[in-house]
Amino acid sequence: VIEYSLKLDSNPEFTSSVLVAYARAINRLH
């Protein structure tokens, strides 16, 4: 059994942190 879990105090702030990391990625790719 593989299990991955998240417990988030702030859904939008965690989502935003993912967005910024991936923004870095697509900027590099571009």
PDB file of all heavy atoms in Angstrom:
ATOM      1  N   VAL A   1       0.857  -1.186   0.000  1.00  0.00           N
ATOM      2  CA  VAL A   1       0.000   0.000   0.000  1.00  0.00           C
ATOM      3  C   VAL A   1       0.893   1.235   0.000  1.00  0.00           C
ATOM      4  O   VAL A   1       1.719   1.425   0.898  1.00  0.00           O
ATOM      5  CB  VAL A   1      -0.945   0.033   1.215  1.00  0.00           C
ATOM      6  CG1 VAL A   1      -1.770   1.325   1.203  1.00  0.00           C
ATOM      7  CG2 VAL A   1      -1.878  -1.181   1.214  1.00  0.00           C
ATOM      8  N   ILE A   2       0.766   2.053  -1.036  1.00  0.00           N
ATOM      9  CA  ILE A   2       1.444   3.354  -1.089  1.00  0.00           C
ATOM     10  C   ILE A   2       0.434   4.402  -0.641  1.00  0.00           C
ATOM     11  O   ILE A   2      -0.693   4.452  -1.144  1.00  0.00           O
ATOM     12  CB  ILE A   2       1.916   3.669  -2.519  1.00  0.00           C
ATOM     13  CG1 ILE A   2       2.908   2.616  -3.016  1.00  0.00           C
ATOM     14  CG2 ILE A   2       2.544   5.062  -2.585  1.00  0.00           C
ATOM     15  CD1 ILE A   2       3.277   2.771  -4.478  1.00  0.00           C
ATOM     16  N   GLU A   3       0.833   5.234   0.319  1.00  0.00           N
ATOM     17  CA  GLU A   3      -0.068   6.273   0.822  1.00  0.00           C
ATOM     18  C   GLU A   3       0.659   7.611   0.842  1.00  0.00           C
ATOM     19  O   GLU A   3       1.760   7.725   1.371  1.00  0.00           O
ATOM     20  CB  GLU A   3      -0.567   5.941   2.225  1.00  0.00           C
ATOM     21  CG  GLU A   3      -1.471   7.020   2.815  1.00  0.00           C
ATOM     22  CD  GLU A   3      -2.035   6.668   4.190  1.00  0.00           C
ATOM     23  OE1 GLU A   3      -1.906   5.494   4.606  1.00  0.00           O
ATOM     24  OE2 GLU A   3      -2.592   7.568   4.840  1.00  0.00           O
ATOM     25  N   TYR A   4       0.026   8.611   0.255  1.00  0.00           N
ATOM     26  CA  TYR A   4       0.534   9.979   0.289  1.00  0.00           C
ATOM     27  C   TYR A   4      -0.566  10.839   0.874  1.00  0.00           C
ATOM     28  O   TYR A   4      -1.723  10.747   0.440  1.00  0.00           O
ATOM     29  CB  TYR A   4       0.869  10.444  -1.124  1.00  0.00           C
ATOM     30  CG  TYR A   4       1.296  11.895  -1.250  1.00  0.00           C
ATOM     31  CD1 TYR A   4       2.594  12.292  -0.944  1.00  0.00           C
ATOM     32  CD2 TYR A   4       0.406  12.869  -1.714  1.00  0.00           C
ATOM     33  CE1 TYR A   4       3.000  13.617  -1.081  1.00  0.00           C
ATOM     34  CE2 TYR A   4       0.801  14.194  -1.854  1.00  0.00           C
ATOM     35  CZ  TYR A   4       2.094  14.561  -1.540  1.00  0.00           C
ATOM     36  OH  TYR A   4       2.483  15.872  -1.678  1.00  0.00           O
ATOM     37  N   SER A   5      -0.251  11.637   1.879  1.00  0.00           N
ATOM     38  CA  SER A   5      -1.302  12.428   2.520  1.00  0.00           C
ATOM     39  C   SER A   5      -0.864  13.866   2.720  1.00  0.00           C
ATOM     40  O   SER A   5       0.335  14.165   2.814  1.00  0.00           O
ATOM     41  CB  SER A   5      -1.694  11.817   3.867  1.00  0.00           C
ATOM     42  OG  SER A   5      -0.636  11.935   4.804  1.00  0.00           O
ATOM     43  N   LEU A   6      -1.843  14.752   2.777  1.00  0.00           N
ATOM     44  CA  LEU A   6      -1.625  16.168   3.054  1.00  0.00           C
ATOM     45  C   LEU A   6      -2.590  16.618   4.134  1.00  0.00           C
ATOM     46  O   LEU A   6      -3.765  16.230   4.142  1.00  0.00           O
ATOM     47  CB  LEU A   6      -1.870  17.009   1.797  1.00  0.00           C
ATOM     48  CG  LEU A   6      -0.906  16.832   0.630  1.00  0.00           C
ATOM     49  CD1 LEU A   6      -1.416  17.609  -0.583  1.00  0.00           C
ATOM     50  CD2 LEU A   6       0.491  17.293   1.012  1.00  0.00           C
ATOM     51  N   LYS A   7      -2.099  17.444   5.047  1.00  0.00           N
ATOM     52  CA  LYS A   7      -2.933  18.071   6.071  1.00  0.00           C
ATOM     53  C   LYS A   7      -2.622  19.560   6.026  1.00  0.00           C
ATOM     54  O   LYS A   7      -1.548  19.984   6.427  1.00  0.00           O
ATOM     55  CB  LYS A   7      -2.637  17.467   7.447  1.00  0.00           C
ATOM     56  CG  LYS A   7      -2.953  15.983   7.541  1.00  0.00           C
ATOM     57  CD  LYS A   7      -2.498  15.385   8.860  1.00  0.00           C
ATOM     58  CE  LYS A   7      -2.797  13.884   8.909  1.00  0.00           C
ATOM     59  NZ  LYS A   7      -2.037  13.136   7.883  1.00  0.00           N
ATOM     60  N   LEU A   8      -3.572  20.338   5.531  1.00  0.00           N
ATOM     61  CA  LEU A   8      -3.300  21.732   5.178  1.00  0.00           C
ATOM     62  C   LEU A   8      -4.121  22.696   6.036  1.00  0.00           C
ATOM     63  O   LEU A   8      -5.347  22.620   6.065  1.00  0.00           O
ATOM     64  CB  LEU A   8      -3.653  21.971   3.705  1.00  0.00           C
ATOM     65  CG  LEU A   8      -3.117  20.930   2.700  1.00  0.00           C
ATOM     66  CD1 LEU A   8      -3.621  21.250   1.300  1.00  0.00           C
ATOM     67  CD2 LEU A   8      -1.603  20.869   2.753  1.00  0.00           C
ATOM     68  N   ASP A   9      -3.434  23.614   6.704  1.00  0.00           N
ATOM     69  CA  ASP A   9      -4.133  24.676   7.429  1.00  0.00           C
ATOM     70  C   ASP A   9      -4.802  25.644   6.466  1.00  0.00           C
ATOM     71  O   ASP A   9      -5.841  26.222   6.770  1.00  0.00           O
ATOM     72  CB  ASP A   9      -3.159  25.448   8.314  1.00  0.00           C
ATOM     73  CG  ASP A   9      -2.990  24.822   9.690  1.00  0.00           C
ATOM     74  OD1 ASP A   9      -3.683  23.824   9.986  1.00  0.00           O
ATOM     75  OD2 ASP A   9      -2.151  25.323  10.466  1.00  0.00           O
ATOM     76  N   SER A  10      -4.168  25.854   5.309  1.00  0.00           N
ATOM     77  CA  SER A  10      -4.717  26.782   4.317  1.00  0.00           C
ATOM     78  C   SER A  10      -4.621  26.174   2.937  1.00  0.00           C
ATOM     79  O   SER A  10      -3.536  26.088   2.353  1.00  0.00           O
ATOM     80  CB  SER A  10      -3.962  28.119   4.355  1.00  0.00           C
ATOM     81  OG  SER A  10      -4.366  28.937   3.264  1.00  0.00           O
ATOM     82  N   ASN A  11      -5.747  25.765   2.420  1.00  0.00           N
ATOM     83  CA  ASN A  11      -5.824  25.219   1.071  1.00  0.00           C
ATOM     84  C   ASN A  11      -5.246  26.195   0.037  1.00  0.00           C
ATOM     85  O   ASN A  11      -4.352  25.835  -0.739  1.00  0.00           O
ATOM     86  CB  ASN A  11      -7.294  24.878   0.774  1.00  0.00           C
ATOM     87  CG  ASN A  11      -7.525  24.254  -0.584  1.00  0.00           C
ATOM     88  OD1 ASN A  11      -6.629  24.152  -1.404  1.00  0.00           O
ATOM     89  ND2 ASN A  11      -8.757  23.855  -0.832  1.00  0.00           N
ATOM     90  N   PRO A  12      -5.705  27.475   0.000  1.00  0.00           N
ATOM     91  CA  PRO A  12      -5.192  28.369  -1.052  1.00  0.00           C
ATOM     92  C   PRO A  12      -3.710  28.685  -0.904  1.00  0.00           C
ATOM     93  O   PRO A  12      -3.008  28.837  -1.911  1.00  0.00           O
ATOM     94  CB  PRO A  12      -6.049  29.632  -0.907  1.00  0.00           C
ATOM     95  CG  PRO A  12      -6.638  29.563   0.453  1.00  0.00           C
ATOM     96  CD  PRO A  12      -6.798  28.106   0.754  1.00  0.00           C
ATOM     97  N   GLU A  13      -3.206  28.778   0.326  1.00  0.00           N
ATOM     98  CA  GLU A  13      -1.789  29.092   0.482  1.00  0.00           C
ATOM     99  C   GLU A  13      -0.905  27.924   0.049  1.00  0.00           C
ATOM    100  O   GLU A  13       0.161  28.130  -0.543  1.00  0.00           O
ATOM    101  CB  GLU A  13      -1.489  29.498   1.927  1.00  0.00           C
ATOM    102  CG  GLU A  13      -2.015  30.886   2.277  1.00  0.00           C
ATOM    103  CD  GLU A  13      -1.694  31.298   3.690  1.00  0.00           C
ATOM    104  OE1 GLU A  13      -0.886  30.606   4.359  1.00  0.00           O
ATOM    105  OE2 GLU A  13      -2.258  32.304   4.148  1.00  0.00           O
ATOM    106  N   PHE A  14      -1.335  26.694   0.322  1.00  0.00           N
ATOM    107  CA  PHE A  14      -0.554  25.551  -0.150  1.00  0.00           C
ATOM    108  C   PHE A  14      -0.617  25.464  -1.675  1.00  0.00           C
ATOM    109  O   PHE A  14       0.403  25.260  -2.344  1.00  0.00           O
ATOM    110  CB  PHE A  14      -1.065  24.254   0.479  1.00  0.00           C
ATOM    111  CG  PHE A  14      -0.224  23.057   0.133  1.00  0.00           C
ATOM    112  CD1 PHE A  14       0.916  22.751   0.855  1.00  0.00           C
ATOM    113  CD2 PHE A  14      -0.568  22.233  -0.931  1.00  0.00           C
ATOM    114  CE1 PHE A  14       1.712  21.658   0.524  1.00  0.00           C
ATOM    115  CE2 PHE A  14       0.216  21.138  -1.273  1.00  0.00           C
ATOM    116  CZ  PHE A  14       1.357  20.850  -0.534  1.00  0.00           C
ATOM    117  N   THR A  15      -1.818  25.612  -2.232  1.00  0.00           N
ATOM    118  CA  THR A  15      -1.975  25.598  -3.687  1.00  0.00           C
ATOM    119  C   THR A  15      -1.095  26.673  -4.329  1.00  0.00           C
ATOM    120  O   THR A  15      -0.419  26.433  -5.338  1.00  0.00           O
ATOM    121  CB  THR A  15      -3.442  25.837  -4.068  1.00  0.00           C
ATOM    122  OG1 THR A  15      -4.245  24.790  -3.507  1.00  0.00           O
ATOM    123  CG2 THR A  15      -3.644  25.856  -5.584  1.00  0.00           C
ATOM    124  N   SER A  16      -1.066  27.846  -3.728  1.00  0.00           N
ATOM    125  CA  SER A  16      -0.253  28.941  -4.246  1.00  0.00           C
ATOM    126  C   SER A  16       1.232  28.604  -4.221  1.00  0.00           C
ATOM    127  O   SER A  16       1.977  28.969  -5.138  1.00  0.00           O
ATOM    128  CB  SER A  16      -0.492  30.204  -3.408  1.00  0.00           C
ATOM    129  OG  SER A  16      -1.841  30.596  -3.454  1.00  0.00           O
ATOM    130  N   SER A  17       1.665  27.905  -3.176  1.00  0.00           N
ATOM    131  CA  SER A  17       3.071  27.518  -3.082  1.00  0.00           C
ATOM    132  C   SER A  17       3.448  26.552  -4.198  1.00  0.00           C
ATOM    133  O   SER A  17       4.561  26.621  -4.746  1.00  0.00           O
ATOM    134  CB  SER A  17       3.341  26.886  -1.715  1.00  0.00           C
ATOM    135  OG  SER A  17       3.115  27.820  -0.675  1.00  0.00           O
ATOM    136  N   VAL A  18       2.536  25.661  -4.541  1.00  0.00           N
ATOM    137  CA  VAL A  18       2.765  24.750  -5.667  1.00  0.00           C
ATOM    138  C   VAL A  18       2.826  25.545  -6.973  1.00  0.00           C
ATOM    139  O   VAL A  18       3.692  25.321  -7.827  1.00  0.00           O
ATOM    140  CB  VAL A  18       1.675  23.662  -5.734  1.00  0.00           C
ATOM    141  CG1 VAL A  18       1.936  22.712  -6.906  1.00  0.00           C
ATOM    142  CG2 VAL A  18       1.603  22.870  -4.434  1.00  0.00           C
ATOM    143  N   LEU A  19       1.925  26.510  -7.126  1.00  0.00           N
ATOM    144  CA  LEU A  19       1.888  27.321  -8.343  1.00  0.00           C
ATOM    145  C   LEU A  19       3.199  28.084  -8.561  1.00  0.00           C
ATOM    146  O   LEU A  19       3.710  28.148  -9.684  1.00  0.00           O
ATOM    147  CB  LEU A  19       0.726  28.317  -8.271  1.00  0.00           C
ATOM    148  CG  LEU A  19      -0.681  27.745  -8.483  1.00  0.00           C
ATOM    149  CD1 LEU A  19      -1.737  28.751  -8.056  1.00  0.00           C
ATOM    150  CD2 LEU A  19      -0.892  27.352  -9.940  1.00  0.00           C
ATOM    151  N   VAL A  20       3.744  28.642  -7.501  1.00  0.00           N
ATOM    152  CA  VAL A  20       4.980  29.416  -7.640  1.00  0.00           C
ATOM    153  C   VAL A  20       6.146  28.504  -8.024  1.00  0.00           C
ATOM    154  O   VAL A  20       6.984  28.849  -8.865  1.00  0.00           O
ATOM    155  CB  VAL A  20       5.273  30.211  -6.356  1.00  0.00           C
ATOM    156  CG1 VAL A  20       6.672  30.814  -6.389  1.00  0.00           C
ATOM    157  CG2 VAL A  20       4.235  31.314  -6.176  1.00  0.00           C
ATOM    158  N   ALA A  21       6.211  27.311  -7.428  1.00  0.00           N
ATOM    159  CA  ALA A  21       7.282  26.368  -7.787  1.00  0.00           C
ATOM    160  C   ALA A  21       7.187  25.972  -9.253  1.00  0.00           C
ATOM    161  O   ALA A  21       8.206  25.911  -9.963  1.00  0.00           O
ATOM    162  CB  ALA A  21       7.205  25.129  -6.892  1.00  0.00           C
ATOM    163  N   TYR A  22       5.976  25.718  -9.728  1.00  0.00           N
ATOM    164  CA  TYR A  22       5.807  25.335 -11.134  1.00  0.00           C
ATOM    165  C   TYR A  22       5.947  26.527 -12.073  1.00  0.00           C
ATOM    166  O   TYR A  22       6.304  26.355 -13.245  1.00  0.00           O
ATOM    167  CB  TYR A  22       4.479  24.606 -11.331  1.00  0.00           C
ATOM    168  CG  TYR A  22       4.609  23.125 -11.062  1.00  0.00           C
ATOM    169  CD1 TYR A  22       4.347  22.604  -9.799  1.00  0.00           C
ATOM    170  CD2 TYR A  22       5.034  22.254 -12.044  1.00  0.00           C
ATOM    171  CE1 TYR A  22       4.500  21.249  -9.538  1.00  0.00           C
ATOM    172  CE2 TYR A  22       5.188  20.903 -11.806  1.00  0.00           C
ATOM    173  CZ  TYR A  22       4.916  20.399 -10.552  1.00  0.00           C
ATOM    174  OH  TYR A  22       5.081  19.060 -10.301  1.00  0.00           O
ATOM    175  N   ALA A  23       5.680  27.735 -11.584  1.00  0.00           N
ATOM    176  CA  ALA A  23       5.954  28.919 -12.397  1.00  0.00           C
ATOM    177  C   ALA A  23       7.451  29.009 -12.690  1.00  0.00           C
ATOM    178  O   ALA A  23       7.866  29.340 -13.804  1.00  0.00           O
ATOM    179  CB  ALA A  23       5.472  30.179 -11.682  1.00  0.00           C
ATOM    180  N   ARG A  24       8.267  28.703 -11.677  1.00  0.00           N
ATOM    181  CA  ARG A  24       9.722  28.670 -11.877  1.00  0.00           C
ATOM    182  C   ARG A  24      10.078  27.665 -12.981  1.00  0.00           C
ATOM    183  O   ARG A  24      10.915  27.941 -13.847  1.00  0.00           O
ATOM    184  CB  ARG A  24      10.411  28.288 -10.568  1.00  0.00           C
ATOM    185  CG  ARG A  24      11.935  28.152 -10.694  1.00  0.00           C
ATOM    186  CD  ARG A  24      12.560  27.646  -9.397  1.00  0.00           C
ATOM    187  NE  ARG A  24      12.458  28.617  -8.323  1.00  0.00           N
ATOM    188  CZ  ARG A  24      11.745  28.433  -7.207  1.00  0.00           C
ATOM    189  NH1 ARG A  24      11.071  27.301  -7.024  1.00  0.00           N
ATOM    190  NH2 ARG A  24      11.717  29.362  -6.275  1.00  0.00           N
ATOM    191  N   ALA A  25       9.428  26.509 -12.939  1.00  0.00           N
ATOM    192  CA  ALA A  25       9.720  25.457 -13.915  1.00  0.00           C
ATOM    193  C   ALA A  25       9.381  25.891 -15.334  1.00  0.00           C
ATOM    194  O   ALA A  25      10.181  25.711 -16.261  1.00  0.00           O
ATOM    195  CB  ALA A  25       8.963  24.184 -13.547  1.00  0.00           C
ATOM    196  N   ILE A  26       8.194  26.477 -15.521  1.00  0.00           N
ATOM    197  CA  ILE A  26       7.824  26.826 -16.901  1.00  0.00           C
ATOM    198  C   ILE A  26       8.612  28.031 -17.395  1.00  0.00           C
ATOM    199  O   ILE A  26       8.864  28.164 -18.592  1.00  0.00           O
ATOM    200  CB  ILE A  26       6.298  27.030 -17.084  1.00  0.00           C
ATOM    201  CG1 ILE A  26       5.770  28.201 -16.268  1.00  0.00           C
ATOM    202  CG2 ILE A  26       5.551  25.744 -16.767  1.00  0.00           C
ATOM    203  CD1 ILE A  26       4.320  28.564 -16.626  1.00  0.00           C
ATOM    204  N   ASN A  27       9.034  28.892 -16.495  1.00  0.00           N
ATOM    205  CA  ASN A  27       9.906  29.997 -16.907  1.00  0.00           C
ATOM    206  C   ASN A  27      11.231  29.454 -17.427  1.00  0.00           C
ATOM    207  O   ASN A  27      11.753  29.919 -18.452  1.00  0.00           O
ATOM    208  CB  ASN A  27      10.138  30.939 -15.722  1.00  0.00           C
ATOM    209  CG  ASN A  27      10.935  32.168 -16.112  1.00  0.00           C
ATOM    210  OD1 ASN A  27      10.638  32.830 -17.104  1.00  0.00           O
ATOM    211  ND2 ASN A  27      11.967  32.480 -15.330  1.00  0.00           N
ATOM    212  N   ARG A  28      11.781  28.454 -16.746  1.00  0.00           N
ATOM    213  CA  ARG A  28      13.026  27.832 -17.206  1.00  0.00           C
ATOM    214  C   ARG A  28      12.835  27.131 -18.548  1.00  0.00           C
ATOM    215  O   ARG A  28      13.674  27.239 -19.447  1.00  0.00           O
ATOM    216  CB  ARG A  28      13.509  26.826 -16.154  1.00  0.00           C
ATOM    217  CG  ARG A  28      14.082  27.478 -14.910  1.00  0.00           C
ATOM    218  CD  ARG A  28      14.379  26.436 -13.851  1.00  0.00           C
ATOM    219  NE  ARG A  28      15.163  26.997 -12.751  1.00  0.00           N
ATOM    220  CZ  ARG A  28      15.452  26.335 -11.638  1.00  0.00           C
ATOM    221  NH1 ARG A  28      15.028  25.101 -11.472  1.00  0.00           N
ATOM    222  NH2 ARG A  28      16.166  26.908 -10.692  1.00  0.00           N
ATOM    223  N   LEU A  29      11.721  26.412 -18.673  1.00  0.00           N
ATOM    224  CA  LEU A  29      11.456  25.702 -19.920  1.00  0.00           C
ATOM    225  C   LEU A  29      11.286  26.672 -21.090  1.00  0.00           C
ATOM    226  O   LEU A  29      11.749  26.416 -22.197  1.00  0.00           O
ATOM    227  CB  LEU A  29      10.219  24.814 -19.771  1.00  0.00           C
ATOM    228  CG  LEU A  29      10.416  23.546 -18.954  1.00  0.00           C
ATOM    229  CD1 LEU A  29       9.072  22.919 -18.602  1.00  0.00           C
ATOM    230  CD2 LEU A  29      11.278  22.541 -19.710  1.00  0.00           C
ATOM    231  N   HIS A  30      10.609  27.789 -20.825  1.00  0.00           N
ATOM    232  CA  HIS A  30      10.412  28.763 -21.894  1.00  0.00           C
ATOM    233  C   HIS A  30      11.743  29.341 -22.349  1.00  0.00           C
ATOM    234  O   HIS A  30      11.947  29.603 -23.548  1.00  0.00           O
ATOM    235  CB  HIS A  30       9.471  29.884 -21.437  1.00  0.00           C
ATOM    236  CG  HIS A  30       9.051  30.795 -22.540  1.00  0.00           C
ATOM    237  ND1 HIS A  30       9.512  32.083 -22.682  1.00  0.00           N
ATOM    238  CD2 HIS A  30       8.214  30.585 -23.596  1.00  0.00           C
ATOM    239  CE1 HIS A  30       8.981  32.625 -23.751  1.00  0.00           C
ATOM    240  NE2 HIS A  30       8.190  31.754 -24.333  1.00  0.00           N
TER     241      HIS A  30
END
